[in-house]
């Protein structure tokens, strides 16, 4: 086959060859983009993994927020404005078995009712 025959064949089939090259290019581009859409760094699989991590961490965050809310509520109950300091001191002394050096503590089994 001589060069002139190749040129003649190319000229007669130019549109078909051009169409085939364009189809091959499009198929390669679609394959490349499809592969990276499913398996690349920013792919759908990576999105699913990140979404799962976000959901897990959101659950942990919600749990921590609930714990913080409970601790804040307990702290609010210990504020001076909502707590009788004498009652707090009495409870601390009873729970910790604490007393001053110069005081005498008499324990009874019942607490007398006062009619005030």
PDB file of N, CA and C in Angstrom:
ATOM      1  N   UNK A   1       0.839  -1.162   0.000  1.00  0.00           N
ATOM      2  CA  UNK A   1       0.000   0.000   0.000  1.00  0.00           C
ATOM      3  C   UNK A   1       0.894   1.238   0.000  1.00  0.00           C
ATOM      4  N   UNK A   2       0.657   2.095  -0.925  1.00  0.00           N
ATOM      5  CA  UNK A   2       1.492   3.281  -1.042  1.00  0.00           C
ATOM      6  C   UNK A   2       0.849   4.449  -0.298  1.00  0.00           C
ATOM      7  N   UNK A   3       1.634   5.480  -0.170  1.00  0.00           N
ATOM      8  CA  UNK A   3       1.164   6.664   0.533  1.00  0.00           C
ATOM      9  C   UNK A   3      -0.026   7.291  -0.169  1.00  0.00           C
ATOM     10  N   UNK A   4      -0.044   7.290  -1.473  1.00  0.00           N
ATOM     11  CA  UNK A   4      -1.162   7.887  -2.224  1.00  0.00           C
ATOM     12  C   UNK A   4      -2.446   7.091  -1.993  1.00  0.00           C
ATOM     13  N   UNK A   5      -2.315   5.771  -1.853  1.00  0.00           N
ATOM     14  CA  UNK A   5      -3.503   4.960  -1.571  1.00  0.00           C
ATOM     15  C   UNK A   5      -4.057   5.273  -0.178  1.00  0.00           C
ATOM     16  N   UNK A   6      -3.159   5.489   0.768  1.00  0.00           N
ATOM     17  CA  UNK A   6      -3.594   5.823   2.128  1.00  0.00           C
ATOM     18  C   UNK A   6      -4.299   7.159   2.140  1.00  0.00           C
ATOM     19  N   UNK A   7      -3.756   8.135   1.438  1.00  0.00           N
ATOM     20  CA  UNK A   7      -4.366   9.463   1.369  1.00  0.00           C
ATOM     21  C   UNK A   7      -5.723   9.383   0.689  1.00  0.00           C
ATOM     22  N   UNK A   8      -5.818   8.614  -0.372  1.00  0.00           N
ATOM     23  CA  UNK A   8      -7.083   8.462  -1.087  1.00  0.00           C
ATOM     24  C   UNK A   8      -8.126   7.790  -0.187  1.00  0.00           C
ATOM     25  N   UNK A   9      -7.702   6.752   0.540  1.00  0.00           N
ATOM     26  CA  UNK A   9      -8.625   6.059   1.445  1.00  0.00           C
ATOM     27  C   UNK A   9      -9.088   7.015   2.557  1.00  0.00           C
ATOM     28  N   UNK A  10      -8.146   7.795   3.094  1.00  0.00           N
ATOM     29  CA  UNK A  10      -8.477   8.743   4.149  1.00  0.00           C
ATOM     30  C   UNK A  10      -9.458   9.797   3.652  1.00  0.00           C
ATOM     31  N   UNK A  11      -9.243  10.323   2.441  1.00  0.00           N
ATOM     32  CA  UNK A  11     -10.129  11.338   1.885  1.00  0.00           C
ATOM     33  C   UNK A  11     -11.528  10.785   1.631  1.00  0.00           C
ATOM     34  N   UNK A  12     -11.630   9.550   1.199  1.00  0.00           N
ATOM     35  CA  UNK A  12     -12.947   8.989   0.896  1.00  0.00           C
ATOM     36  C   UNK A  12     -13.708   8.609   2.168  1.00  0.00           C
ATOM     37  N   UNK A  13     -13.018   8.312   3.232  1.00  0.00           N
ATOM     38  CA  UNK A  13     -13.664   7.890   4.474  1.00  0.00           C
ATOM     39  C   UNK A  13     -13.434   8.895   5.614  1.00  0.00           C
ATOM     40  N   UNK A  14     -13.189  10.116   5.288  1.00  0.00           N
ATOM     41  CA  UNK A  14     -12.862  11.144   6.285  1.00  0.00           C
ATOM     42  C   UNK A  14     -13.979  11.310   7.313  1.00  0.00           C
ATOM     43  N   UNK A  15     -15.218  11.403   6.869  1.00  0.00           N
ATOM     44  CA  UNK A  15     -16.332  11.624   7.798  1.00  0.00           C
ATOM     45  C   UNK A  15     -16.498  10.447   8.742  1.00  0.00           C
ATOM     46  N   UNK A  16     -16.335   9.234   8.252  1.00  0.00           N
ATOM     47  CA  UNK A  16     -16.480   8.055   9.098  1.00  0.00           C
ATOM     48  C   UNK A  16     -15.347   7.984  10.131  1.00  0.00           C
ATOM     49  N   UNK A  17     -14.121   8.249   9.681  1.00  0.00           N
ATOM     50  CA  UNK A  17     -12.973   8.208  10.592  1.00  0.00           C
ATOM     51  C   UNK A  17     -13.089   9.314  11.645  1.00  0.00           C
ATOM     52  N   UNK A  18     -13.506  10.492  11.224  1.00  0.00           N
ATOM     53  CA  UNK A  18     -13.684  11.614  12.143  1.00  0.00           C
ATOM     54  C   UNK A  18     -14.754  11.274  13.185  1.00  0.00           C
ATOM     55  N   UNK A  19     -15.845  10.652  12.748  1.00  0.00           N
ATOM     56  CA  UNK A  19     -16.910  10.252  13.666  1.00  0.00           C
ATOM     57  C   UNK A  19     -16.402   9.206  14.664  1.00  0.00           C
ATOM     58  N   UNK A  20     -15.631   8.247  14.208  1.00  0.00           N
ATOM     59  CA  UNK A  20     -15.093   7.210  15.086  1.00  0.00           C
ATOM     60  C   UNK A  20     -14.152   7.823  16.129  1.00  0.00           C
ATOM     61  N   UNK A  21     -13.284   8.740  15.722  1.00  0.00           N
ATOM     62  CA  UNK A  21     -12.381   9.402  16.665  1.00  0.00           C
ATOM     63  C   UNK A  21     -13.159  10.201  17.713  1.00  0.00           C
ATOM     64  N   UNK A  22     -14.195  10.893  17.265  1.00  0.00           N
ATOM     65  CA  UNK A  22     -15.002  11.659  18.210  1.00  0.00           C
ATOM     66  C   UNK A  22     -15.708  10.730  19.199  1.00  0.00           C
ATOM     67  N   UNK A  23     -16.246   9.617  18.707  1.00  0.00           N
ATOM     68  CA  UNK A  23     -16.907   8.655  19.590  1.00  0.00           C
ATOM     69  C   UNK A  23     -15.917   8.063  20.592  1.00  0.00           C
ATOM     70  N   UNK A  24     -14.711   7.715  20.136  1.00  0.00           N
ATOM     71  CA  UNK A  24     -13.697   7.179  21.035  1.00  0.00           C
ATOM     72  C   UNK A  24     -13.306   8.197  22.106  1.00  0.00           C
ATOM     73  N   UNK A  25     -13.170   9.452  21.683  1.00  0.00           N
ATOM     74  CA  UNK A  25     -12.838  10.507  22.636  1.00  0.00           C
ATOM     75  C   UNK A  25     -13.931  10.660  23.691  1.00  0.00           C
ATOM     76  N   UNK A  26     -15.187  10.690  23.251  1.00  0.00           N
ATOM     77  CA  UNK A  26     -16.311  10.840  24.185  1.00  0.00           C
ATOM     78  C   UNK A  26     -16.385   9.643  25.123  1.00  0.00           C
ATOM     79  N   UNK A  27     -16.200   8.434  24.603  1.00  0.00           N
ATOM     80  CA  UNK A  27     -16.234   7.245  25.438  1.00  0.00           C
ATOM     81  C   UNK A  27     -15.106   7.251  26.477  1.00  0.00           C
ATOM     82  N   UNK A  28     -13.926   7.655  26.066  1.00  0.00           N
ATOM     83  CA  UNK A  28     -12.800   7.743  27.010  1.00  0.00           C
ATOM     84  C   UNK A  28     -13.070   8.798  28.079  1.00  0.00           C
ATOM     85  N   UNK A  29     -13.596   9.936  27.660  1.00  0.00           N
ATOM     86  CA  UNK A  29     -13.901  11.004  28.615  1.00  0.00           C
ATOM     87  C   UNK A  29     -14.975  10.541  29.598  1.00  0.00           C
ATOM     88  N   UNK A  30     -16.028   9.888  29.103  1.00  0.00           N
ATOM     89  CA  UNK A  30     -17.080   9.382  29.987  1.00  0.00           C
ATOM     90  C   UNK A  30     -16.548   8.306  30.928  1.00  0.00           C
ATOM     91  N   UNK A  31     -15.696   7.439  30.436  1.00  0.00           N
ATOM     92  CA  UNK A  31     -15.096   6.422  31.298  1.00  0.00           C
ATOM     93  C   UNK A  31     -14.249   7.038  32.393  1.00  0.00           C
ATOM     94  N   UNK A  32     -13.435   8.014  32.032  1.00  0.00           N
ATOM     95  CA  UNK A  32     -12.573   8.697  33.002  1.00  0.00           C
ATOM     96  C   UNK A  32     -13.416   9.403  34.063  1.00  0.00           C
ATOM     97  N   UNK A  33     -14.396  10.181  33.610  1.00  0.00           N
ATOM     98  CA  UNK A  33     -15.240  10.911  34.548  1.00  0.00           C
ATOM     99  C   UNK A  33     -16.081   9.956  35.396  1.00  0.00           C
ATOM    100  N   UNK A  34     -16.582   8.887  34.778  1.00  0.00           N
ATOM    101  CA  UNK A  34     -17.377   7.919  35.530  1.00  0.00           C
ATOM    102  C   UNK A  34     -16.569   7.225  36.607  1.00  0.00           C
ATOM    103  N   UNK A  35     -15.356   6.837  36.267  1.00  0.00           N
ATOM    104  CA  UNK A  35     -14.487   6.182  37.255  1.00  0.00           C
ATOM    105  C   UNK A  35     -14.229   7.103  38.437  1.00  0.00           C
ATOM    106  N   UNK A  36     -13.865   8.357  38.162  1.00  0.00           N
ATOM    107  CA  UNK A  36     -13.540   9.283  39.243  1.00  0.00           C
ATOM    108  C   UNK A  36     -14.780   9.754  39.994  1.00  0.00           C
ATOM    109  N   UNK A  37     -15.939   9.673  39.366  1.00  0.00           N
ATOM    110  CA  UNK A  37     -17.173  10.002  40.075  1.00  0.00           C
ATOM    111  C   UNK A  37     -17.465   8.950  41.135  1.00  0.00           C
ATOM    112  N   UNK A  38     -17.168   7.705  40.844  1.00  0.00           N
ATOM    113  CA  UNK A  38     -17.468   6.622  41.780  1.00  0.00           C
ATOM    114  C   UNK A  38     -16.318   6.270  42.709  1.00  0.00           C
ATOM    115  N   UNK A  39     -15.071   6.466  42.281  1.00  0.00           N
ATOM    116  CA  UNK A  39     -13.943   5.963  43.061  1.00  0.00           C
ATOM    117  C   UNK A  39     -12.853   6.982  43.345  1.00  0.00           C
ATOM    118  N   UNK A  40     -13.012   8.203  42.990  1.00  0.00           N
ATOM    119  CA  UNK A  40     -11.950   9.185  43.178  1.00  0.00           C
ATOM    120  C   UNK A  40     -11.914   9.769  44.576  1.00  0.00           C
ATOM    121  N   UNK A  41     -11.066  10.774  44.744  1.00  0.00           N
ATOM    122  CA  UNK A  41     -10.901  11.423  46.041  1.00  0.00           C
ATOM    123  C   UNK A  41     -12.186  12.120  46.489  1.00  0.00           C
ATOM    124  N   UNK A  42     -12.849  12.790  45.586  1.00  0.00           N
ATOM    125  CA  UNK A  42     -14.104  13.485  45.894  1.00  0.00           C
ATOM    126  C   UNK A  42     -15.290  12.736  45.295  1.00  0.00           C
ATOM    127  N   UNK A  43     -15.298  11.434  45.433  1.00  0.00           N
ATOM    128  CA  UNK A  43     -16.293  10.600  44.775  1.00  0.00           C
ATOM    129  C   UNK A  43     -17.523  10.387  45.651  1.00  0.00           C
ATOM    130  N   UNK A  44     -18.447   9.634  45.107  1.00  0.00           N
ATOM    131  CA  UNK A  44     -19.667   9.293  45.834  1.00  0.00           C
ATOM    132  C   UNK A  44     -19.347   8.413  47.047  1.00  0.00           C
ATOM    133  N   UNK A  45     -18.395   7.502  46.889  1.00  0.00           N
ATOM    134  CA  UNK A  45     -18.006   6.651  48.012  1.00  0.00           C
ATOM    135  C   UNK A  45     -17.437   7.490  49.153  1.00  0.00           C
ATOM    136  N   UNK A  46     -16.614   8.462  48.830  1.00  0.00           N
ATOM    137  CA  UNK A  46     -16.057   9.346  49.854  1.00  0.00           C
ATOM    138  C   UNK A  46     -17.163  10.152  50.521  1.00  0.00           C
ATOM    139  N   UNK A  47     -18.140  10.572  49.738  1.00  0.00           N
ATOM    140  CA  UNK A  47     -19.279  11.315  50.281  1.00  0.00           C
ATOM    141  C   UNK A  47     -20.048  10.461  51.277  1.00  0.00           C
ATOM    142  N   UNK A  48     -20.282   9.209  50.946  1.00  0.00           N
ATOM    143  CA  UNK A  48     -21.017   8.312  51.842  1.00  0.00           C
ATOM    144  C   UNK A  48     -20.253   8.108  53.147  1.00  0.00           C
ATOM    145  N   UNK A  49     -18.941   7.910  53.052  1.00  0.00           N
ATOM    146  CA  UNK A  49     -18.121   7.721  54.256  1.00  0.00           C
ATOM    147  C   UNK A  49     -18.148   8.982  55.120  1.00  0.00           C
ATOM    148  N   UNK A  50     -17.981  10.149  54.508  1.00  0.00           N
ATOM    149  CA  UNK A  50     -18.004  11.398  55.267  1.00  0.00           C
ATOM    150  C   UNK A  50     -19.371  11.658  55.884  1.00  0.00           C
ATOM    151  N   UNK A  51     -20.425  11.341  55.156  1.00  0.00           N
ATOM    152  CA  UNK A  51     -21.781  11.525  55.675  1.00  0.00           C
ATOM    153  C   UNK A  51     -21.997  10.644  56.899  1.00  0.00           C
ATOM    154  N   UNK A  52     -21.497   9.416  56.864  1.00  0.00           N
ATOM    155  CA  UNK A  52     -21.615   8.500  58.003  1.00  0.00           C
ATOM    156  C   UNK A  52     -20.855   9.046  59.209  1.00  0.00           C
ATOM    157  N   UNK A  53     -19.634   9.557  58.981  1.00  0.00           N
ATOM    158  CA  UNK A  53     -18.850  10.146  60.067  1.00  0.00           C
ATOM    159  C   UNK A  53     -19.558  11.358  60.659  1.00  0.00           C
ATOM    160  N   UNK A  54     -20.140  12.177  59.798  1.00  0.00           N
ATOM    161  CA  UNK A  54     -20.852  13.366  60.280  1.00  0.00           C
ATOM    162  C   UNK A  54     -22.038  12.954  61.135  1.00  0.00           C
ATOM    163  N   UNK A  55     -22.784  11.939  60.715  1.00  0.00           N
ATOM    164  CA  UNK A  55     -23.925  11.475  61.496  1.00  0.00           C
ATOM    165  C   UNK A  55     -23.488  10.941  62.856  1.00  0.00           C
ATOM    166  N   UNK A  56     -22.412  10.162  62.894  1.00  0.00           N
ATOM    167  CA  UNK A  56     -21.907   9.627  64.155  1.00  0.00           C
ATOM    168  C   UNK A  56     -21.454  10.754  65.082  1.00  0.00           C
ATOM    169  N   UNK A  57     -20.751  11.705  64.535  1.00  0.00           N
ATOM    170  CA  UNK A  57     -20.253  12.812  65.363  1.00  0.00           C
ATOM    171  C   UNK A  57     -21.389  13.727  65.800  1.00  0.00           C
ATOM    172  N   UNK A  58     -22.448  13.824  64.985  1.00  0.00           N
ATOM    173  CA  UNK A  58     -23.609  14.618  65.374  1.00  0.00           C
ATOM    174  C   UNK A  58     -24.303  13.970  66.574  1.00  0.00           C
ATOM    175  N   UNK A  59     -24.373  12.630  66.579  1.00  0.00           N
ATOM    176  CA  UNK A  59     -24.954  11.933  67.730  1.00  0.00           C
ATOM    177  C   UNK A  59     -24.134  12.184  68.982  1.00  0.00           C
ATOM    178  N   UNK A  60     -22.804  12.133  68.851  1.00  0.00           N
ATOM    179  CA  UNK A  60     -21.931  12.402  69.994  1.00  0.00           C
ATOM    180  C   UNK A  60     -22.116  13.837  70.473  1.00  0.00           C
ATOM    181  N   UNK A  61     -22.218  14.771  69.529  1.00  0.00           N
ATOM    182  CA  UNK A  61     -22.417  16.177  69.888  1.00  0.00           C
ATOM    183  C   UNK A  61     -23.737  16.372  70.617  1.00  0.00           C
ATOM    184  N   UNK A  62     -24.800  15.728  70.139  1.00  0.00           N
ATOM    185  CA  UNK A  62     -26.098  15.841  70.810  1.00  0.00           C
ATOM    186  C   UNK A  62     -26.033  15.286  72.234  1.00  0.00           C
ATOM    187  N   UNK A  63     -25.339  14.163  72.405  1.00  0.00           N
ATOM    188  CA  UNK A  63     -25.182  13.576  73.732  1.00  0.00           C
ATOM    189  C   UNK A  63     -24.406  14.519  74.649  1.00  0.00           C
ATOM    190  N   UNK A  64     -23.337  15.107  74.131  1.00  0.00           N
ATOM    191  CA  UNK A  64     -22.548  16.041  74.939  1.00  0.00           C
ATOM    192  C   UNK A  64     -23.341  17.301  75.282  1.00  0.00           C
ATOM    193  N   UNK A  65     -24.165  17.760  74.344  1.00  0.00           N
ATOM    194  CA  UNK A  65     -25.007  18.928  74.638  1.00  0.00           C
ATOM    195  C   UNK A  65     -26.005  18.613  75.739  1.00  0.00           C
ATOM    196  N   UNK A  66     -26.569  17.402  75.707  1.00  0.00           N
ATOM    197  CA  UNK A  66     -27.497  17.007  76.774  1.00  0.00           C
ATOM    198  C   UNK A  66     -26.788  16.929  78.120  1.00  0.00           C
ATOM    199  N   UNK A  67     -25.584  16.373  78.131  1.00  0.00           N
ATOM    200  CA  UNK A  67     -24.824  16.302  79.377  1.00  0.00           C
ATOM    201  C   UNK A  67     -24.486  17.702  79.892  1.00  0.00           C
ATOM    202  N   UNK A  68     -24.109  18.607  78.982  1.00  0.00           N
ATOM    203  CA  UNK A  68     -23.809  19.980  79.378  1.00  0.00           C
ATOM    204  C   UNK A  68     -25.051  20.657  79.951  1.00  0.00           C
ATOM    205  N   UNK A  69     -26.188  20.419  79.320  1.00  0.00           N
ATOM    206  CA  UNK A  69     -27.448  20.994  79.801  1.00  0.00           C
ATOM    207  C   UNK A  69     -27.751  20.507  81.214  1.00  0.00           C
ATOM    208  N   UNK A  70     -27.540  19.214  81.471  1.00  0.00           N
ATOM    209  CA  UNK A  70     -27.785  18.673  82.805  1.00  0.00           C
ATOM    210  C   UNK A  70     -26.825  19.258  83.837  1.00  0.00           C
ATOM    211  N   UNK A  71     -25.561  19.405  83.456  1.00  0.00           N
ATOM    212  CA  UNK A  71     -24.587  19.984  84.384  1.00  0.00           C
ATOM    213  C   UNK A  71     -24.925  21.446  84.663  1.00  0.00           C
ATOM    214  N   UNK A  72     -25.309  22.183  83.637  1.00  0.00           N
ATOM    215  CA  UNK A  72     -25.692  23.588  83.850  1.00  0.00           C
ATOM    216  C   UNK A  72     -26.900  23.686  84.767  1.00  0.00           C
ATOM    217  N   UNK A  73     -27.847  22.765  84.602  1.00  0.00           N
ATOM    218  CA  UNK A  73     -29.025  22.759  85.457  1.00  0.00           C
ATOM    219  C   UNK A  73     -28.640  22.492  86.912  1.00  0.00           C
ATOM    220  N   UNK A  74     -27.722  21.547  87.128  1.00  0.00           N
ATOM    221  CA  UNK A  74     -27.255  21.268  88.492  1.00  0.00           C
ATOM    222  C   UNK A  74     -26.523  22.463  89.078  1.00  0.00           C
ATOM    223  N   UNK A  75     -25.721  23.134  88.258  1.00  0.00           N
ATOM    224  CA  UNK A  75     -24.989  24.314  88.738  1.00  0.00           C
ATOM    225  C   UNK A  75     -25.961  25.442  89.073  1.00  0.00           C
ATOM    226  N   UNK A  76     -26.995  25.604  88.259  1.00  0.00           N
ATOM    227  CA  UNK A  76     -27.980  26.649  88.536  1.00  0.00           C
ATOM    228  C   UNK A  76     -28.690  26.412  89.861  1.00  0.00           C
ATOM    229  N   UNK A  77     -28.878  25.157  90.228  1.00  0.00           N
ATOM    230  CA  UNK A  77     -29.523  24.860  91.501  1.00  0.00           C
ATOM    231  C   UNK A  77     -28.618  25.178  92.690  1.00  0.00           C
ATOM    232  N   UNK A  78     -27.333  25.318  92.447  1.00  0.00           N
ATOM    233  CA  UNK A  78     -26.401  25.629  93.529  1.00  0.00           C
ATOM    234  C   UNK A  78     -26.085  27.116  93.645  1.00  0.00           C
ATOM    235  N   UNK A  79     -26.729  27.941  92.888  1.00  0.00           N
ATOM    236  CA  UNK A  79     -26.475  29.384  92.955  1.00  0.00           C
ATOM    237  C   UNK A  79     -27.033  29.972  94.252  1.00  0.00           C
ATOM    238  N   UNK A  80     -26.461  31.081  94.694  1.00  0.00           N
ATOM    239  CA  UNK A  80     -26.880  31.746  95.922  1.00  0.00           C
ATOM    240  C   UNK A  80     -28.331  32.201  95.871  1.00  0.00           C
ATOM    241  N   UNK A  81     -28.812  32.582  94.713  1.00  0.00           N
ATOM    242  CA  UNK A  81     -30.167  33.124  94.612  1.00  0.00           C
ATOM    243  C   UNK A  81     -31.238  32.056  94.762  1.00  0.00           C
ATOM    244  N   UNK A  82     -30.940  30.824  94.450  1.00  0.00           N
ATOM    245  CA  UNK A  82     -31.962  29.780  94.502  1.00  0.00           C
ATOM    246  C   UNK A  82     -31.705  28.742  95.590  1.00  0.00           C
ATOM    247  N   UNK A  83     -30.716  28.969  96.435  1.00  0.00           N
ATOM    248  CA  UNK A  83     -30.347  27.966  97.420  1.00  0.00           C
ATOM    249  C   UNK A  83     -30.197  28.614  98.788  1.00  0.00           C
ATOM    250  N   UNK A  84     -30.760  27.969  99.777  1.00  0.00           N
ATOM    251  CA  UNK A  84     -30.595  28.430 101.156  1.00  0.00           C
ATOM    252  C   UNK A  84     -29.225  27.970 101.641  1.00  0.00           C
ATOM    253  N   UNK A  85     -28.361  28.911 101.970  1.00  0.00           N
ATOM    254  CA  UNK A  85     -26.991  28.569 102.364  1.00  0.00           C
ATOM    255  C   UNK A  85     -26.948  27.776 103.656  1.00  0.00           C
ATOM    256  N   UNK A  86     -27.867  28.063 104.569  1.00  0.00           N
ATOM    257  CA  UNK A  86     -27.899  27.287 105.817  1.00  0.00           C
ATOM    258  C   UNK A  86     -28.261  25.838 105.532  1.00  0.00           C
ATOM    259  N   UNK A  87     -29.185  25.647 104.619  1.00  0.00           N
ATOM    260  CA  UNK A  87     -29.565  24.283 104.250  1.00  0.00           C
ATOM    261  C   UNK A  87     -28.409  23.563 103.569  1.00  0.00           C
ATOM    262  N   UNK A  88     -27.704  24.270 102.723  1.00  0.00           N
ATOM    263  CA  UNK A  88     -26.550  23.680 102.049  1.00  0.00           C
ATOM    264  C   UNK A  88     -25.478  23.284 103.059  1.00  0.00           C
ATOM    265  N   UNK A  89     -25.215  24.178 104.017  1.00  0.00           N
ATOM    266  CA  UNK A  89     -24.213  23.869 105.036  1.00  0.00           C
ATOM    267  C   UNK A  89     -24.644  22.669 105.867  1.00  0.00           C
ATOM    268  N   UNK A  90     -25.912  22.622 106.236  1.00  0.00           N
ATOM    269  CA  UNK A  90     -26.423  21.507 107.022  1.00  0.00           C
ATOM    270  C   UNK A  90     -26.281  20.187 106.266  1.00  0.00           C
ATOM    271  N   UNK A  91     -26.617  20.182 104.984  1.00  0.00           N
ATOM    272  CA  UNK A  91     -26.506  18.961 104.177  1.00  0.00           C
ATOM    273  C   UNK A  91     -25.046  18.543 103.997  1.00  0.00           C
ATOM    274  N   UNK A  92     -24.159  19.512 103.795  1.00  0.00           N
ATOM    275  CA  UNK A  92     -22.732  19.203 103.643  1.00  0.00           C
ATOM    276  C   UNK A  92     -22.178  18.599 104.920  1.00  0.00           C
ATOM    277  N   UNK A  93     -22.579  19.160 106.055  1.00  0.00           N
ATOM    278  CA  UNK A  93     -22.085  18.647 107.322  1.00  0.00           C
ATOM    279  C   UNK A  93     -22.610  17.245 107.577  1.00  0.00           C
ATOM    280  N   UNK A  94     -23.842  16.986 107.206  1.00  0.00           N
ATOM    281  CA  UNK A  94     -24.414  15.654 107.428  1.00  0.00           C
ATOM    282  C   UNK A  94     -23.788  14.626 106.485  1.00  0.00           C
ATOM    283  N   UNK A  95     -23.607  15.004 105.239  1.00  0.00           N
ATOM    284  CA  UNK A  95     -23.075  14.058 104.253  1.00  0.00           C
ATOM    285  C   UNK A  95     -21.589  13.788 104.482  1.00  0.00           C
ATOM    286  N   UNK A  96     -20.841  14.826 104.844  1.00  0.00           N
ATOM    287  CA  UNK A  96     -19.391  14.693 104.993  1.00  0.00           C
ATOM    288  C   UNK A  96     -18.957  14.434 106.436  1.00  0.00           C
ATOM    289  N   UNK A  97     -19.949  14.412 107.348  1.00  0.00           N
ATOM    290  CA  UNK A  97     -19.655  14.225 108.764  1.00  0.00           C
ATOM    291  C   UNK A  97     -18.641  15.271 109.231  1.00  0.00           C
ATOM    292  N   UNK A  98     -18.944  16.519 108.927  1.00  0.00           N
ATOM    293  CA  UNK A  98     -18.032  17.627 109.196  1.00  0.00           C
ATOM    294  C   UNK A  98     -18.581  18.479 110.332  1.00  0.00           C
ATOM    295  N   UNK A  99     -17.687  18.959 111.152  1.00  0.00           N
ATOM    296  CA  UNK A  99     -18.082  19.866 112.220  1.00  0.00           C
ATOM    297  C   UNK A  99     -16.901  20.748 112.604  1.00  0.00           C
ATOM    298  N   UNK A 100     -17.205  21.836 113.285  1.00  0.00           N
ATOM    299  CA  UNK A 100     -16.147  22.734 113.755  1.00  0.00           C
ATOM    300  C   UNK A 100     -15.509  22.159 115.010  1.00  0.00           C
ATOM    301  N   UNK A 101     -14.305  22.620 115.337  1.00  0.00           N
ATOM    302  CA  UNK A 101     -13.564  22.104 116.488  1.00  0.00           C
ATOM    303  C   UNK A 101     -14.262  22.392 117.811  1.00  0.00           C
ATOM    304  N   UNK A 102     -14.898  23.548 117.956  1.00  0.00           N
ATOM    305  CA  UNK A 102     -15.439  23.952 119.239  1.00  0.00           C
ATOM    306  C   UNK A 102     -16.940  23.686 119.378  1.00  0.00           C
ATOM    307  N   UNK A 103     -17.534  22.882 118.519  1.00  0.00           N
ATOM    308  CA  UNK A 103     -18.961  22.648 118.634  1.00  0.00           C
ATOM    309  C   UNK A 103     -19.243  21.216 119.086  1.00  0.00           C
ATOM    310  N   UNK A 104     -20.370  21.070 119.710  1.00  0.00           N
ATOM    311  CA  UNK A 104     -20.817  19.769 120.182  1.00  0.00           C
ATOM    312  C   UNK A 104     -22.009  19.357 119.329  1.00  0.00           C
ATOM    313  N   UNK A 105     -21.949  18.156 118.801  1.00  0.00           N
ATOM    314  CA  UNK A 105     -23.013  17.665 117.938  1.00  0.00           C
ATOM    315  C   UNK A 105     -23.743  16.555 118.669  1.00  0.00           C
ATOM    316  N   UNK A 106     -25.039  16.685 118.767  1.00  0.00           N
ATOM    317  CA  UNK A 106     -25.871  15.665 119.381  1.00  0.00           C
ATOM    318  C   UNK A 106     -26.771  15.098 118.296  1.00  0.00           C
ATOM    319  N   UNK A 107     -26.618  13.840 118.021  1.00  0.00           N
ATOM    320  CA  UNK A 107     -27.408  13.199 116.972  1.00  0.00           C
ATOM    321  C   UNK A 107     -28.610  12.526 117.603  1.00  0.00           C
ATOM    322  N   UNK A 108     -29.744  12.696 116.959  1.00  0.00           N
ATOM    323  CA  UNK A 108     -30.961  12.026 117.384  1.00  0.00           C
ATOM    324  C   UNK A 108     -31.480  11.234 116.197  1.00  0.00           C
ATOM    325  N   UNK A 109     -32.318  10.250 116.501  1.00  0.00           N
ATOM    326  CA  UNK A 109     -32.825   9.428 115.417  1.00  0.00           C
ATOM    327  C   UNK A 109     -33.982  10.099 114.693  1.00  0.00           C
ATOM    328  N   UNK A 110     -34.691  11.020 115.356  1.00  0.00           N
ATOM    329  CA  UNK A 110     -35.805  11.719 114.707  1.00  0.00           C
ATOM    330  C   UNK A 110     -35.588  13.198 114.831  1.00  0.00           C
ATOM    331  N   UNK A 111     -36.182  13.927 113.930  1.00  0.00           N
ATOM    332  CA  UNK A 111     -36.113  15.385 113.937  1.00  0.00           C
ATOM    333  C   UNK A 111     -37.463  15.867 114.436  1.00  0.00           C
ATOM    334  N   UNK A 112     -37.491  16.664 115.520  1.00  0.00           N
ATOM    335  CA  UNK A 112     -38.790  17.125 116.037  1.00  0.00           C
ATOM    336  C   UNK A 112     -39.439  18.095 115.071  1.00  0.00           C
ATOM    337  N   UNK A 113     -40.740  17.987 114.938  1.00  0.00           N
ATOM    338  CA  UNK A 113     -41.501  18.904 114.083  1.00  0.00           C
ATOM    339  C   UNK A 113     -41.734  20.203 114.824  1.00  0.00           C
ATOM    340  N   UNK A 114     -41.539  21.279 114.118  1.00  0.00           N
ATOM    341  CA  UNK A 114     -41.820  22.591 114.712  1.00  0.00           C
ATOM    342  C   UNK A 114     -43.090  23.129 114.077  1.00  0.00           C
ATOM    343  N   UNK A 115     -43.986  23.614 114.887  1.00  0.00           N
ATOM    344  CA  UNK A 115     -45.258  24.162 114.396  1.00  0.00           C
ATOM    345  C   UNK A 115     -45.130  25.657 114.279  1.00  0.00           C
ATOM    346  N   UNK A 116     -44.703  26.112 113.207  1.00  0.00           N
ATOM    347  CA  UNK A 116     -44.545  27.559 112.980  1.00  0.00           C
ATOM    348  C   UNK A 116     -45.545  28.012 112.014  1.00  0.00           C
TER     349      UNK A 116
END
